[in-house]
């Protein structure tokens, strides 16, 4: 149907979503005002609370992971079309579909890992982010004549995004002082989607160019796997040093 059909279909689906919200989703009730109101915390007090080690270390992980993950999140389709031999454009849509499909069960069930006390949130974050390092290695190893093998890697997106994001949201909620949960969620959303991914897109945009202008995608995936693994080691060492200092 041509490229224009992509935009027309997107507009139609957005309009359908708006109609569903307008017709079937009821407005929120504010109740009778008897509900207990959360304590009011000034922005200055909230910013002071963010200076704790756990808050700063959480933000550092969010920013660094966001910068590194931008290689996959924002350049996967470019990688498929540029580095493989005669890839079908159907693969681009199929890759996105597979990613979204495997996000759903992770979003639904990953909370059970920490809600029952079996695993700490930081353990889930380290494990899920390490899967991104594995994902990058797999991309680099796919033969250039087998673009469809990308679809076998995409289920990992459920861990590298959905699990990471759910754990980060819960971690931020626990760190937020009472009454500042909404501010904390706004902060992590803005830092990840508007800052980290933007910086990462600019950085990988230069590095992923074909040599000699850049490193090329294969070298970038190897580099990214190393950087993610190195950062996770540093992040864990930071917690270990904090615990040692408290002893």
Protein backbone atom coordinates (compact mmCIF):
# COMPACT_ATOMS: atom_id res chain seq x y z
CA UNK A 1 0.00 0.00 0.00
CA UNK A 2 3.00 2.29 0.06
CA UNK A 3 4.66 4.36 2.77
CA UNK A 4 1.74 6.78 3.03
CA UNK A 5 -0.50 3.95 4.28
CA UNK A 6 1.66 3.71 7.42
CA UNK A 7 0.76 7.26 8.44
CA UNK A 8 -2.90 6.95 7.46
CA UNK A 9 -3.30 3.72 9.42
CA UNK A 10 -1.55 5.23 12.44
CA UNK A 11 -3.86 8.25 12.37
CA UNK A 12 -6.89 5.96 12.11
CA UNK A 13 -5.78 3.86 15.08
CA UNK A 14 -5.09 6.93 17.21
CA UNK A 15 -8.55 8.26 16.36
CA UNK A 16 -10.07 4.91 17.31
CA UNK A 17 -8.24 5.02 20.63
CA UNK A 18 -9.55 8.53 21.30
CA UNK A 19 -13.11 7.40 20.55
CA UNK A 20 -12.80 4.43 22.92
CA UNK A 21 -11.59 6.72 25.70
CA UNK A 22 -14.30 9.31 25.07
CA UNK A 23 -17.17 6.80 24.87
CA UNK A 24 -16.40 3.92 27.23
CA UNK A 25 -13.95 5.14 29.89
CA UNK A 26 -15.86 6.88 32.69
CA UNK A 27 -14.49 10.04 34.31
CA UNK A 28 -12.65 9.60 37.60
CA UNK A 29 -14.68 10.26 40.70
CA UNK A 30 -13.18 12.61 43.28
CA UNK A 31 -15.28 11.07 46.03
CA UNK A 32 -16.76 13.01 48.90
CA UNK A 33 -13.47 14.52 50.01
CA UNK A 34 -13.21 12.24 53.03
CA UNK A 35 -10.25 10.29 51.64
CA UNK A 36 -6.96 10.76 53.42
CA UNK A 37 -4.83 13.22 51.51
CA UNK A 38 -1.10 12.50 51.10
CA UNK A 39 1.23 14.88 52.92
CA UNK A 40 2.32 17.93 50.94
CA UNK A 41 6.06 18.02 50.31
CA UNK A 42 7.74 21.06 48.82
CA UNK A 43 9.85 20.69 45.69
CA UNK A 44 12.94 21.80 47.61
CA UNK A 45 12.41 19.11 50.23
CA UNK A 46 11.89 16.55 47.49
CA UNK A 47 15.11 17.58 45.74
CA UNK A 48 17.00 17.26 49.02
CA UNK A 49 15.63 13.73 49.41
CA UNK A 50 16.97 12.89 45.94
CA UNK A 51 20.51 13.46 47.21
CA UNK A 52 20.49 10.10 48.97
CA UNK A 53 22.86 7.44 47.62
CA UNK A 54 20.04 5.10 46.55
CA UNK A 55 18.23 7.84 44.62
CA UNK A 56 21.34 9.11 42.86
CA UNK A 57 22.51 5.58 42.05
CA UNK A 58 19.07 4.70 40.67
CA UNK A 59 19.10 7.81 38.45
CA UNK A 60 22.65 7.05 37.30
CA UNK A 61 21.64 3.56 36.22
CA UNK A 62 18.56 4.87 34.44
CA UNK A 63 20.56 7.44 32.48
CA UNK A 64 23.46 5.18 31.54
CA UNK A 65 21.25 2.26 30.58
CA UNK A 66 19.04 4.58 28.54
CA UNK A 67 22.02 5.94 26.62
CA UNK A 68 23.33 2.45 25.87
CA UNK A 69 19.97 0.88 25.03
CA UNK A 70 19.28 3.59 22.44
CA UNK A 71 21.42 1.60 19.99
CA UNK A 72 18.75 -1.10 19.91
CA UNK A 73 15.65 0.94 20.65
CA UNK A 74 16.24 3.59 17.98
CA UNK A 75 18.51 1.95 15.38
CA UNK A 76 17.31 -1.64 15.09
CA UNK A 77 15.41 -1.03 11.86
CA UNK A 78 18.35 0.86 10.37
CA UNK A 79 20.59 -2.08 11.29
CA UNK A 80 18.25 -4.55 9.61
CA UNK A 81 17.97 -2.58 6.37
CA UNK A 82 21.64 -1.61 6.18
CA UNK A 83 23.61 -4.65 7.30
CA UNK A 84 21.61 -7.56 5.88
CA UNK A 85 21.40 -8.73 2.31
CA UNK A 86 18.02 -7.95 0.73
CA UNK A 87 15.95 -7.83 3.94
CA UNK A 88 12.21 -7.76 3.57
CA UNK A 89 10.44 -4.73 5.00
CA UNK A 90 7.99 -7.18 6.56
CA UNK A 91 10.75 -8.03 9.03
CA UNK A 92 10.63 -4.49 10.42
CA UNK A 93 6.97 -4.79 11.35
CA UNK A 94 7.35 -8.37 12.53
CA UNK A 95 10.24 -7.42 14.81
CA UNK A 96 8.16 -4.72 16.47
CA UNK A 97 5.21 -7.09 16.80
CA UNK A 98 7.35 -9.73 18.50
CA UNK A 99 8.81 -7.16 20.88
CA UNK A 100 5.37 -5.92 21.88
CA UNK A 101 3.98 -9.44 22.21
CA UNK A 102 6.65 -10.49 24.70
CA UNK A 103 6.34 -7.28 26.70
CA UNK A 104 2.77 -8.17 27.71
CA UNK A 105 3.43 -11.21 29.97
CA UNK A 106 6.49 -9.55 31.50
CA UNK A 107 4.55 -6.40 32.36
CA UNK A 108 1.86 -8.57 33.94
CA UNK A 109 3.94 -11.02 35.96
CA UNK A 110 7.40 -9.55 36.62
CA UNK A 111 6.19 -7.82 39.78
CA UNK A 112 5.86 -11.20 41.45
CA UNK A 113 9.66 -11.48 41.54
CA UNK A 114 9.96 -8.76 44.18
CA UNK A 115 6.45 -8.58 45.66
CA UNK A 116 6.91 -11.92 47.42
CA UNK A 117 10.39 -10.95 48.63
CA UNK A 118 12.14 -13.60 46.56
CA UNK A 119 14.37 -11.14 44.70
CA UNK A 120 15.51 -7.59 45.35
CA UNK A 121 14.66 -4.92 42.81
CA UNK A 122 18.33 -4.29 42.14
CA UNK A 123 18.83 -7.99 41.39
CA UNK A 124 16.02 -7.91 38.83
CA UNK A 125 17.47 -4.77 37.24
CA UNK A 126 20.96 -6.26 36.95
CA UNK A 127 19.66 -9.51 35.47
CA UNK A 128 17.34 -7.79 32.97
CA UNK A 129 19.96 -5.25 31.89
CA UNK A 130 22.53 -8.02 31.44
CA UNK A 131 20.08 -9.62 29.01
CA UNK A 132 20.55 -6.48 26.87
CA UNK A 133 24.28 -7.23 26.68
CA UNK A 134 23.40 -10.75 25.51
CA UNK A 135 20.92 -9.31 23.02
CA UNK A 136 23.61 -7.09 21.49
CA UNK A 137 25.98 -10.04 21.14
CA UNK A 138 23.30 -12.05 19.36
CA UNK A 139 22.67 -9.23 16.88
CA UNK A 140 26.36 -9.07 16.08
CA UNK A 141 26.53 -12.83 15.47
CA UNK A 142 23.57 -13.10 13.08
CA UNK A 143 24.76 -13.97 9.53
CA UNK A 144 24.14 -11.13 7.10
CA UNK A 145 22.22 -13.50 4.83
CA UNK A 146 19.73 -14.50 7.56
CA UNK A 147 17.82 -11.33 8.55
CA UNK A 148 14.84 -13.34 9.80
CA UNK A 149 16.97 -14.60 12.69
CA UNK A 150 16.47 -11.17 14.24
CA UNK A 151 12.95 -12.30 15.16
CA UNK A 152 14.44 -14.99 17.42
CA UNK A 153 16.24 -12.31 19.42
CA UNK A 154 13.30 -9.94 19.81
CA UNK A 155 11.53 -11.88 22.61
CA UNK A 156 14.35 -10.69 24.88
CA UNK A 157 12.83 -7.22 24.64
CA UNK A 158 10.35 -8.33 27.26
CA UNK A 159 13.21 -8.42 29.74
CA UNK A 160 15.37 -5.57 28.44
CA UNK A 161 12.50 -3.06 28.50
CA UNK A 162 9.41 -4.29 30.33
CA UNK A 163 11.26 -5.89 33.25
CA UNK A 164 13.72 -3.01 33.54
CA UNK A 165 10.99 -0.40 33.39
CA UNK A 166 8.68 -2.11 35.91
CA UNK A 167 11.54 -2.60 38.36
CA UNK A 168 12.70 0.99 37.93
CA UNK A 169 9.20 2.38 38.47
CA UNK A 170 8.77 0.34 41.64
CA UNK A 171 12.26 1.25 42.86
CA UNK A 172 11.52 4.95 42.30
CA UNK A 173 8.19 4.60 44.11
CA UNK A 174 9.88 3.08 47.14
CA UNK A 175 12.56 5.78 47.20
CA UNK A 176 10.11 8.67 46.84
CA UNK A 177 9.10 10.46 50.06
CA UNK A 178 5.40 10.18 50.82
CA UNK A 179 3.45 12.60 48.68
CA UNK A 180 6.13 12.89 45.96
CA UNK A 181 5.49 9.66 44.08
CA UNK A 182 4.06 11.47 41.05
CA UNK A 183 7.05 13.81 40.90
CA UNK A 184 9.44 10.87 41.03
CA UNK A 185 7.63 9.07 38.21
CA UNK A 186 7.69 12.23 36.11
CA UNK A 187 11.41 12.53 36.78
CA UNK A 188 12.34 9.03 35.69
CA UNK A 189 10.10 9.23 32.62
CA UNK A 190 11.68 12.49 31.52
CA UNK A 191 15.24 11.37 32.22
CA UNK A 192 14.87 8.07 30.37
CA UNK A 193 12.74 8.93 27.36
CA UNK A 194 13.72 12.58 26.82
CA UNK A 195 17.32 12.75 28.02
CA UNK A 196 18.99 9.34 27.98
CA UNK A 197 17.50 8.09 24.71
CA UNK A 198 18.16 11.45 23.04
CA UNK A 199 21.83 11.46 24.09
CA UNK A 200 22.17 7.80 23.14
CA UNK A 201 20.59 8.38 19.72
CA UNK A 202 23.08 11.15 18.99
CA UNK A 203 26.04 9.11 20.19
CA UNK A 204 25.16 5.89 18.38
CA UNK A 205 24.13 7.84 15.30
CA UNK A 206 27.76 8.83 14.88
CA UNK A 207 29.31 5.55 15.98
CA UNK A 208 27.06 3.22 13.95
CA UNK A 209 27.99 4.76 10.61
CA UNK A 210 29.85 2.49 8.26
CA UNK A 211 33.66 2.70 8.51
CA UNK A 212 35.65 4.86 8.15
CA UNK A 213 33.02 7.42 9.27
CA UNK A 214 32.03 5.22 12.23
CA UNK A 215 32.45 1.75 13.72
CA UNK A 216 29.55 0.05 11.98
CA UNK A 217 26.70 -1.77 13.70
CA UNK A 218 28.54 -5.03 14.40
CA UNK A 219 31.35 -3.31 16.30
CA UNK A 220 28.83 -1.10 18.07
CA UNK A 221 26.92 -4.12 19.32
CA UNK A 222 30.12 -5.67 20.69
CA UNK A 223 31.05 -2.35 22.29
CA UNK A 224 27.59 -1.95 23.79
CA UNK A 225 27.65 -5.44 25.30
CA UNK A 226 30.98 -4.60 26.94
CA UNK A 227 29.80 -1.20 28.22
CA UNK A 228 26.58 -2.60 29.69
CA UNK A 229 28.46 -5.41 31.45
CA UNK A 230 31.10 -3.00 32.76
CA UNK A 231 28.48 -0.58 34.05
CA UNK A 232 26.56 -3.33 35.84
CA UNK A 233 29.77 -4.34 37.61
CA UNK A 234 30.36 -0.71 38.65
CA UNK A 235 26.75 -0.37 39.81
CA UNK A 236 27.02 -3.47 41.97
CA UNK A 237 30.37 -2.33 43.36
CA UNK A 238 28.72 0.94 44.34
CA UNK A 239 26.17 -0.89 46.48
CA UNK A 240 28.90 -3.11 47.94
CA UNK A 241 30.99 -0.06 48.88
CA UNK A 242 27.96 1.60 50.49
CA UNK A 243 27.27 -1.53 52.55
CA UNK A 244 30.93 -1.79 53.58
CA UNK A 245 30.95 1.84 54.73
CA UNK A 246 27.88 1.23 56.92
CA UNK A 247 29.57 -1.70 58.71
